[in-house]
Amino acid sequence: MKISIIGTGYVGLVQGAVFADTGNQVLCMDIDEKKIASLRKGQIPIYEPGLEEMVLRNVEDKRLEFTTNLKSAVERSDVIFLCLPTPQSEDGSADLTHVMKVSEDIADLIVGEKIVVSKSTVPVGTVDKIRSIMRKKGKTGVDVVSNPEFLKEGAAVQDSLKPDRIVIGTRSKRAAQVMTELYAPFVRTGNPVLVMDERSAEMTKYAANAFLATKISFMNELANLCEKTGADIDAVRRGIGSDPRVGQLFLFSGVGYGGSCFPKDVKALVKTAHEHEFEFKILRAVDDVNERQKRVLLWKVAKHFGKSLQGKTFAVWGLAFKPQTDDMREAPSIPIVNGLLEMGAKVRAHDPIAMTRARSIFHNRIEYVDKAMEALKGADALVIVTEWNEFRTPDFKTIKAQLKKPVIFDGRNIYDPKEMKALGFTYYGIGRSSE
């Protein structure tokens, strides 16, 4: 099948590479000339396990190409995927400027029958707006489909190759058949292809992310209550996670969620509800809890050291919003590091992948080190923000020797409080006690 991907951001690049890897002819288009030039040289602008190898392989086999020419992308494709940014507006709604502009542009270029696929995360009713653009310009042979993505950063390639489900929003039998055939190689083990109306597909994307965000905020609130009652959130997590009605995923407490999806999608769904004169009280609370949770470690630091951190240095492990990505959008590390700086502390930080992106955010206000242990030298405490695997089983004797005093603030509960106490550390987790 001949496919064009408009927008080579996170979703577009991964989806384009995966489609090419199953034998399709894929042309990825973007207006960013530097990005396209880099991709043609084999330079991948994001970190995602397995992506670079897949891109290079398919470029070499001439199944994957990159262009800045929208006309070429439209003419050479049967199916056009819109993988465009929908950033958060000041009022919390999704900004559809890019989606609407590109829809207008491709409507002027389309000849004959095409399928236009909305892959971006967009508010309910966006496909109707795109279809209206096509109809106004006489493109009656164009089917517009909603096909939301459910990729996890750090596992996006595998999520694309082995999806839990495929959601296709269309009332066109032709479009449903073409999309089902396109995704057939990825669901050979029987995972469902769910065909529904366009608005339900758009809502499904928001509902999925909002529900997962709700689980996270619920567990974070429960962790805060555990601290006050003397319960251990990890024991509680195992207790409720064993119930199949609850499940074991997204039950880990910490310093809040971040990234490009959950924060933005929760706010966008709240805004959509408001536009339809409905107050989504649960999601407002989810968002409020998450913003507050990002400051929990700062409160623990202030309680231990006092509100003024003048003359103190903190080692920070982890800056990306989650492991296996360099993405720092809405990362909890940002308010945590900024909070430490505002209280007068110096920060020495390490992240296995996200250092370049961190420099564009913190600039020269913090010190960056290439090795985790280097961050500890002479520091007053260690603050763990991202649960990278390399942080899970470190040499605690070395940590203890490097720190001025053996104090750890563990924002992801990766260590056992009792073990930390036995090793002589003053240990602060989230919702946990060493007793």
Protein backbone atom coordinates (compact mmCIF):
# COMPACT_ATOMS: atom_id res chain seq x y z
CA MET A 1 0.00 0.00 0.00
CA LYS A 2 1.18 3.55 -0.71
CA ILE A 3 1.12 5.65 2.45
CA SER A 4 2.02 9.23 3.28
CA ILE A 5 2.67 10.43 6.81
CA ILE A 6 2.22 14.17 7.30
CA GLY A 7 4.27 15.17 10.32
CA THR A 8 7.41 13.33 11.42
CA GLY A 9 7.12 13.88 15.14
CA TYR A 10 7.01 11.06 17.65
CA VAL A 11 3.89 9.34 16.34
CA GLY A 12 4.48 10.02 12.66
CA LEU A 13 8.03 8.75 12.53
CA VAL A 14 7.29 5.59 14.51
CA GLN A 15 4.15 4.81 12.54
CA GLY A 16 5.85 5.47 9.21
CA ALA A 17 8.77 3.20 10.05
CA VAL A 18 6.49 0.39 11.24
CA PHE A 19 4.26 0.57 8.14
CA ALA A 20 7.36 0.45 5.93
CA ASP A 21 8.67 -2.51 7.86
CA THR A 22 5.62 -4.54 6.83
CA GLY A 23 6.22 -3.92 3.13
CA ASN A 24 4.30 -0.70 2.44
CA GLN A 25 5.74 2.22 0.47
CA VAL A 26 5.88 5.08 2.94
CA LEU A 27 6.66 8.74 2.32
CA CYS A 28 7.08 10.85 5.49
CA MET A 29 6.55 14.57 4.95
CA ASP A 30 7.41 17.49 7.23
CA ILE A 31 7.88 21.23 6.69
CA ASP A 32 10.96 21.22 8.93
CA GLU A 33 13.75 21.13 6.36
CA LYS A 34 16.49 20.53 8.94
CA LYS A 35 14.64 17.56 10.38
CA ILE A 36 14.06 16.01 6.96
CA ALA A 37 17.70 16.58 6.00
CA SER A 38 18.79 14.86 9.22
CA LEU A 39 16.43 11.93 8.65
CA ARG A 40 17.78 11.46 5.15
CA LYS A 41 21.24 11.20 6.70
CA GLY A 42 19.99 8.57 9.12
CA GLN A 43 19.93 10.90 12.13
CA ILE A 44 16.89 10.21 14.32
CA PRO A 45 15.62 13.30 16.23
CA ILE A 46 14.07 11.33 19.13
CA TYR A 47 15.20 8.48 21.33
CA GLU A 48 13.01 5.41 21.10
CA PRO A 49 14.32 1.85 21.49
CA GLY A 50 14.43 0.03 18.16
CA LEU A 51 13.40 3.02 16.04
CA GLU A 52 16.77 3.98 14.58
CA GLU A 53 17.49 0.47 13.33
CA MET A 54 14.03 0.19 11.78
CA VAL A 55 14.28 3.55 10.02
CA LEU A 56 17.73 2.85 8.62
CA ARG A 57 16.72 -0.62 7.42
CA ASN A 58 13.67 0.59 5.55
CA VAL A 59 15.42 3.59 4.04
CA GLU A 60 18.11 1.26 2.72
CA ASP A 61 15.45 -1.05 1.29
CA LYS A 62 13.75 1.98 -0.31
CA ARG A 63 10.42 1.46 1.41
CA LEU A 64 10.75 4.61 3.53
CA GLU A 65 11.48 8.10 2.18
CA PHE A 66 11.40 11.64 3.56
CA THR A 67 10.27 14.84 1.87
CA THR A 68 9.25 18.44 2.48
CA ASN A 69 6.99 18.42 -0.58
CA LEU A 70 3.34 18.13 0.44
CA LYS A 71 2.17 17.86 -3.17
CA SER A 72 4.36 14.82 -3.72
CA ALA A 73 3.16 13.24 -0.49
CA VAL A 74 -0.48 13.63 -1.51
CA GLU A 75 -0.02 12.48 -5.10
CA ARG A 76 2.01 9.38 -4.23
CA SER A 77 -0.33 7.96 -1.62
CA ASP A 78 -3.57 6.04 -1.29
CA VAL A 79 -3.79 6.68 2.45
CA ILE A 80 -2.69 9.96 4.07
CA PHE A 81 -2.04 9.96 7.81
CA LEU A 82 -2.21 13.27 9.66
CA CYS A 83 0.29 13.00 12.53
CA LEU A 84 0.38 16.65 13.45
CA PRO A 85 0.97 18.43 16.76
CA THR A 86 -2.08 19.51 18.75
CA PRO A 87 -0.46 21.56 21.52
CA GLN A 88 -2.35 22.73 24.54
CA SER A 89 -3.88 26.20 24.25
CA GLU A 90 -3.94 28.63 27.14
CA ASP A 91 -7.50 27.60 27.98
CA GLY A 92 -6.56 23.90 28.08
CA SER A 93 -8.11 22.98 24.74
CA ALA A 94 -6.20 21.25 21.95
CA ASP A 95 -4.88 23.69 19.34
CA LEU A 96 -6.04 22.43 15.93
CA THR A 97 -4.25 25.10 13.90
CA HIS A 98 -1.83 22.65 12.26
CA VAL A 99 -4.49 20.00 11.62
CA MET A 100 -6.91 22.42 9.97
CA LYS A 101 -4.21 24.17 7.90
CA VAL A 102 -2.83 20.92 6.52
CA SER A 103 -6.34 19.62 5.85
CA GLU A 104 -7.04 22.73 3.77
CA ASP A 105 -3.75 22.31 1.91
CA ILE A 106 -4.20 18.64 1.05
CA ALA A 107 -7.81 19.25 0.01
CA ASP A 108 -6.46 21.56 -2.70
CA LEU A 109 -4.07 18.83 -3.89
CA ILE A 110 -6.16 15.65 -3.75
CA VAL A 111 -7.35 14.14 -7.01
CA GLY A 112 -9.67 11.13 -7.02
CA GLU A 113 -10.22 8.72 -4.16
CA LYS A 114 -8.09 8.93 -1.03
CA ILE A 115 -8.36 8.04 2.61
CA VAL A 116 -7.33 10.78 5.05
CA VAL A 117 -6.59 9.43 8.51
CA SER A 118 -6.60 11.59 11.64
CA LYS A 119 -3.87 10.02 13.78
CA SER A 120 -3.32 13.06 15.98
CA THR A 121 -5.02 13.29 19.34
CA VAL A 122 -7.90 15.64 18.57
CA PRO A 123 -11.16 16.73 20.23
CA VAL A 124 -14.40 14.97 19.42
CA GLY A 125 -15.78 16.29 16.15
CA THR A 126 -12.45 17.04 14.46
CA VAL A 127 -12.93 14.39 11.76
CA ASP A 128 -16.26 16.02 10.95
CA LYS A 129 -14.45 19.34 10.49
CA ILE A 130 -11.85 17.76 8.19
CA ARG A 131 -14.58 16.04 6.19
CA SER A 132 -16.41 19.37 5.86
CA ILE A 133 -13.26 20.92 4.40
CA MET A 134 -13.04 18.12 1.83
CA ARG A 135 -16.70 18.45 0.87
CA LYS A 136 -16.52 22.23 0.50
CA LYS A 137 -13.70 21.76 -1.98
CA GLY A 138 -15.59 19.09 -3.91
CA LYS A 139 -13.48 16.13 -2.80
CA THR A 140 -16.35 13.67 -2.65
CA GLY A 141 -14.04 10.69 -3.17
CA VAL A 142 -12.22 11.31 0.11
CA ASP A 143 -13.01 9.29 3.22
CA VAL A 144 -11.87 10.79 6.52
CA VAL A 145 -11.08 8.32 9.30
CA SER A 146 -10.21 8.59 12.97
CA ASN A 147 -7.43 6.18 13.94
CA PRO A 148 -6.08 7.20 17.36
CA GLU A 149 -2.71 5.95 18.55
CA PHE A 150 -2.10 4.28 21.90
CA LEU A 151 1.71 4.31 21.98
CA LYS A 152 3.76 4.40 25.16
CA GLU A 153 6.96 6.38 24.89
CA GLY A 154 9.85 4.02 25.46
CA ALA A 155 7.85 1.13 23.98
CA ALA A 156 6.30 2.81 20.93
CA VAL A 157 7.85 0.51 18.33
CA GLN A 158 6.70 -2.62 20.11
CA ASP A 159 3.29 -1.08 20.76
CA SER A 160 2.96 -0.46 17.03
CA LEU A 161 4.11 -3.92 16.04
CA LYS A 162 1.94 -5.68 18.64
CA PRO A 163 -0.95 -3.35 19.50
CA ASP A 164 -3.44 -4.23 22.22
CA ARG A 165 -6.17 -3.05 19.88
CA ILE A 166 -6.71 -1.00 16.74
CA VAL A 167 -9.47 1.60 16.79
CA ILE A 168 -10.88 2.70 13.43
CA GLY A 169 -13.49 5.43 13.38
CA THR A 170 -15.41 5.46 10.13
CA ARG A 171 -18.86 4.83 8.70
CA SER A 172 -17.40 4.08 5.27
CA LYS A 173 -17.24 0.38 4.40
CA ARG A 174 -14.47 1.05 1.88
CA ALA A 175 -12.32 2.92 4.38
CA ALA A 176 -12.94 0.31 7.08
CA GLN A 177 -11.83 -2.47 4.72
CA VAL A 178 -8.68 -0.65 3.62
CA MET A 179 -7.70 0.24 7.19
CA THR A 180 -8.36 -3.30 8.40
CA GLU A 181 -6.14 -4.70 5.63
CA LEU A 182 -3.41 -2.18 6.49
CA TYR A 183 -3.34 -3.26 10.13
CA ALA A 184 -3.80 -6.99 9.47
CA PRO A 185 -0.06 -7.83 9.89
CA PHE A 186 -0.09 -6.39 13.42
CA VAL A 187 -3.08 -8.31 14.81
CA ARG A 188 -2.40 -11.85 13.63
CA THR A 189 -2.59 -13.14 17.21
CA GLY A 190 -6.20 -12.04 17.45
CA ASN A 191 -6.06 -8.65 19.16
CA PRO A 192 -9.18 -6.74 18.18
CA VAL A 193 -9.72 -4.29 15.36
CA LEU A 194 -12.58 -2.14 16.61
CA VAL A 195 -14.56 -0.28 13.96
CA MET A 196 -16.85 2.42 15.31
CA ASP A 197 -18.14 5.87 14.42
CA GLU A 198 -15.64 8.70 14.19
CA ARG A 199 -16.67 10.58 17.32
CA SER A 200 -16.54 7.47 19.47
CA ALA A 201 -13.02 6.75 18.18
CA GLU A 202 -11.90 10.27 19.04
CA MET A 203 -13.42 9.98 22.51
CA THR A 204 -11.80 6.57 23.04
CA LYS A 205 -8.34 8.09 22.83
CA TYR A 206 -9.06 10.74 25.43
CA ALA A 207 -10.95 8.30 27.63
CA ALA A 208 -8.04 5.85 27.69
CA ASN A 209 -5.44 8.43 28.70
CA ALA A 210 -7.75 10.14 31.17
CA PHE A 211 -8.57 6.84 32.87
CA LEU A 212 -4.91 5.88 33.20
CA ALA A 213 -4.09 9.33 34.55
CA THR A 214 -6.90 8.85 37.07
CA LYS A 215 -5.36 5.60 38.29
CA ILE A 216 -2.02 7.31 38.78
CA SER A 217 -3.46 10.28 40.68
CA PHE A 218 -5.61 7.98 42.79
CA MET A 219 -2.56 5.96 43.82
CA ASN A 220 -0.60 9.12 44.57
CA GLU A 221 -3.35 10.41 46.82
CA LEU A 222 -3.56 7.01 48.47
CA ALA A 223 0.21 7.08 49.01
CA ASN A 224 -0.07 10.43 50.76
CA LEU A 225 -2.77 8.99 53.00
CA CYS A 226 -0.62 5.93 53.70
CA GLU A 227 2.11 8.18 55.06
CA LYS A 228 -0.32 9.71 57.52
CA THR A 229 -1.80 6.40 58.64
CA GLY A 230 1.38 4.31 58.76
CA ALA A 231 0.35 2.03 55.89
CA ASP A 232 2.77 1.06 53.07
CA ILE A 233 1.57 1.99 49.59
CA ASP A 234 3.59 -0.81 47.99
CA ALA A 235 1.80 -3.42 50.08
CA VAL A 236 -1.52 -1.76 49.27
CA ARG A 237 -0.64 -1.74 45.57
CA ARG A 238 0.01 -5.47 45.61
CA GLY A 239 -3.17 -6.03 47.57
CA ILE A 240 -5.47 -4.25 45.15
CA GLY A 241 -3.49 -5.12 42.00
CA SER A 242 -4.18 -8.80 42.52
CA ASP A 243 -7.87 -8.09 41.95
CA PRO A 244 -8.49 -8.63 38.20
CA ARG A 245 -11.13 -5.90 38.27
CA VAL A 246 -8.38 -3.42 39.18
CA GLY A 247 -5.33 -4.85 37.38
CA GLN A 248 -1.67 -4.31 38.15
CA LEU A 249 -0.75 -1.58 35.66
CA PHE A 250 -0.49 2.14 36.47
CA LEU A 251 -0.68 1.55 40.21
CA PHE A 252 2.79 2.78 41.12
CA SER A 253 2.84 5.96 43.17
CA GLY A 254 5.47 8.63 42.67
CA VAL A 255 5.96 12.28 41.83
CA GLY A 256 3.23 12.51 39.21
CA TYR A 257 2.82 11.83 35.52
CA GLY A 258 4.26 13.90 32.69
CA GLY A 259 4.94 13.59 28.97
CA SER A 260 3.13 14.79 25.89
CA CYS A 261 -0.14 12.91 26.41
CA PHE A 262 -1.61 12.56 29.89
CA PRO A 263 -1.33 16.19 31.07
CA LYS A 264 -2.53 17.64 27.79
CA ASP A 265 -5.28 15.10 27.17
CA VAL A 266 -6.74 15.38 30.67
CA LYS A 267 -6.98 19.17 30.31
CA ALA A 268 -8.39 18.88 26.79
CA LEU A 269 -11.13 16.49 27.89
CA VAL A 270 -12.04 18.80 30.78
CA LYS A 271 -12.25 21.64 28.25
CA THR A 272 -14.41 19.57 25.89
CA ALA A 273 -16.77 18.80 28.77
CA HIS A 274 -16.97 22.51 29.63
CA GLU A 275 -17.81 23.37 26.03
CA HIS A 276 -20.74 20.97 26.28
CA GLU A 277 -21.88 22.47 29.60
CA PHE A 278 -20.67 19.52 31.62
CA GLU A 279 -18.32 19.74 34.60
CA PHE A 280 -15.92 16.79 34.64
CA LYS A 281 -15.19 16.96 38.37
CA ILE A 282 -13.12 13.78 38.59
CA LEU A 283 -10.71 14.86 35.87
CA ARG A 284 -10.31 18.32 37.37
CA ALA A 285 -9.28 16.61 40.58
CA VAL A 286 -6.93 14.26 38.71
CA ASP A 287 -5.15 17.24 37.17
CA ASP A 288 -4.98 19.14 40.47
CA VAL A 289 -3.60 16.10 42.31
CA ASN A 290 -0.93 15.58 39.66
CA GLU A 291 0.28 19.18 39.80
CA ARG A 292 0.48 19.00 43.59
CA GLN A 293 2.21 15.63 43.54
CA LYS A 294 5.12 17.05 41.56
CA ARG A 295 6.05 19.07 44.65
CA VAL A 296 5.84 16.25 47.21
CA LEU A 297 9.60 15.65 47.21
CA LEU A 298 10.21 19.37 47.71
CA TRP A 299 8.05 19.30 50.83
CA LYS A 300 10.00 16.33 52.13
CA VAL A 301 13.29 18.10 51.42
CA ALA A 302 12.10 21.24 53.22
CA LYS A 303 10.91 19.21 56.21
CA HIS A 304 14.33 17.52 56.50
CA PHE A 305 16.66 20.45 55.74
CA GLY A 306 14.48 23.50 56.38
CA LYS A 307 13.01 25.93 53.84
CA SER A 308 16.35 27.53 53.03
CA LEU A 309 18.77 25.32 51.10
CA GLN A 310 21.52 27.91 50.77
CA GLY A 311 24.94 26.26 50.60
CA LYS A 312 23.52 22.80 49.93
CA THR A 313 23.94 20.64 46.83
CA PHE A 314 21.51 18.01 45.63
CA ALA A 315 22.26 15.15 43.26
CA VAL A 316 19.34 14.48 40.95
CA TRP A 317 19.03 11.16 39.14
CA GLY A 318 16.62 11.19 36.23
CA LEU A 319 15.25 14.12 34.22
CA ALA A 320 13.10 12.52 31.49
CA PHE A 321 9.44 12.15 32.42
CA LYS A 322 9.83 8.35 32.28
CA PRO A 323 12.54 5.78 31.44
CA GLN A 324 13.44 4.80 27.87
CA THR A 325 12.79 8.26 26.43
CA ASP A 326 14.46 11.65 26.26
CA ASP A 327 11.11 13.45 26.43
CA MET A 328 10.90 16.10 29.14
CA ARG A 329 7.53 17.60 28.29
CA GLU A 330 5.65 18.17 31.57
CA ALA A 331 8.35 16.13 33.36
CA PRO A 332 8.14 16.18 37.18
CA SER A 333 11.88 16.89 37.20
CA ILE A 334 11.22 20.44 35.99
CA PRO A 335 9.26 21.73 39.02
CA ILE A 336 11.45 19.65 41.34
CA VAL A 337 14.73 21.08 40.06
CA ASN A 338 13.29 24.58 39.82
CA GLY A 339 11.99 24.26 43.37
CA LEU A 340 15.39 23.23 44.70
CA LEU A 341 16.99 26.18 42.92
CA GLU A 342 14.36 28.59 44.25
CA MET A 343 15.15 27.45 47.80
CA GLY A 344 18.80 28.28 47.21
CA ALA A 345 20.28 24.87 46.47
CA LYS A 346 22.77 23.85 43.82
CA VAL A 347 21.75 20.94 41.60
CA ARG A 348 24.02 18.38 39.97
CA ALA A 349 22.02 16.15 37.62
CA HIS A 350 22.35 13.02 35.52
CA ASP A 351 20.02 11.29 33.06
CA PRO A 352 21.11 8.46 30.73
CA ILE A 353 19.40 9.97 27.68
CA ALA A 354 17.74 13.34 28.32
CA MET A 355 20.76 15.54 29.05
CA THR A 356 20.59 17.45 25.77
CA ARG A 357 16.92 18.27 26.24
CA ALA A 358 17.56 19.17 29.88
CA ARG A 359 20.16 21.76 28.84
CA SER A 360 17.55 23.48 26.67
CA ILE A 361 15.32 23.81 29.75
CA PHE A 362 17.67 24.48 32.67
CA HIS A 363 20.54 25.99 30.65
CA ASN A 364 23.50 26.77 32.94
CA ARG A 365 21.47 26.95 36.15
CA ILE A 366 22.44 23.40 37.07
CA GLU A 367 25.49 21.20 36.65
CA TYR A 368 25.31 18.23 34.26
CA VAL A 369 27.38 15.07 34.75
CA ASP A 370 27.82 12.07 32.48
CA LYS A 371 27.83 9.41 35.19
CA ALA A 372 25.28 8.91 37.95
CA MET A 373 27.91 8.49 40.66
CA GLU A 374 29.60 11.76 39.65
CA ALA A 375 26.47 13.64 40.69
CA LEU A 376 26.90 12.43 44.29
CA LYS A 377 30.30 13.90 45.11
CA GLY A 378 29.89 16.19 48.09
CA ALA A 379 26.11 16.38 47.70
CA ASP A 380 23.91 16.75 50.75
CA ALA A 381 21.30 14.31 49.43
CA LEU A 382 20.26 12.22 46.43
CA VAL A 383 16.92 12.92 44.76
CA ILE A 384 15.57 10.22 42.42
CA VAL A 385 13.02 11.46 39.90
CA THR A 386 13.04 8.92 37.04
CA GLU A 387 13.20 5.15 37.57
CA TRP A 388 15.86 4.24 35.00
CA ASN A 389 17.02 0.62 35.37
CA GLU A 390 20.60 1.66 36.03
CA PHE A 391 19.46 3.36 39.24
CA ARG A 392 17.73 0.29 40.67
CA THR A 393 20.68 -1.69 42.02
CA PRO A 394 23.55 0.74 42.57
CA ASP A 395 26.54 0.32 44.88
CA PHE A 396 25.05 1.74 48.06
CA LYS A 397 28.42 1.77 49.81
CA THR A 398 29.72 4.12 47.14
CA ILE A 399 26.59 6.28 47.36
CA LYS A 400 27.01 6.53 51.11
CA ALA A 401 30.69 7.39 50.80
CA GLN A 402 30.10 10.10 48.18
CA LEU A 403 27.27 11.93 49.94
CA LYS A 404 27.98 14.31 52.81
CA LYS A 405 25.23 12.53 54.72
CA PRO A 406 23.39 9.38 53.61
CA VAL A 407 20.03 10.94 52.69
CA ILE A 408 17.89 9.73 49.77
CA PHE A 409 14.60 11.17 48.52
CA ASP A 410 13.17 8.45 46.30
CA GLY A 411 10.41 9.84 44.09
CA ARG A 412 9.73 6.48 42.42
CA ASN A 413 9.95 4.03 45.34
CA ILE A 414 12.64 1.95 43.66
CA TYR A 415 14.38 1.03 46.93
CA ASP A 416 13.13 -0.91 49.93
CA PRO A 417 12.79 1.35 53.00
CA LYS A 418 13.83 -1.36 55.46
CA GLU A 419 16.98 -2.16 53.47
CA MET A 420 17.84 1.53 53.27
CA LYS A 421 17.45 1.89 57.02
CA ALA A 422 19.61 -1.20 57.61
CA LEU A 423 22.31 0.31 55.36
CA GLY A 424 22.31 3.48 57.42
CA PHE A 425 20.42 5.78 55.06
CA THR A 426 17.82 8.35 55.96
CA TYR A 427 15.28 7.36 53.33
CA TYR A 428 12.16 9.16 52.12
CA GLY A 429 9.86 7.38 49.68
CA ILE A 430 6.30 8.08 48.58
CA GLY A 431 3.72 6.56 50.90
CA ARG A 432 6.19 4.23 52.56
CA SER A 433 7.77 3.70 55.96
CA SER A 434 10.88 1.87 57.11
CA GLU A 435 9.00 0.73 60.24
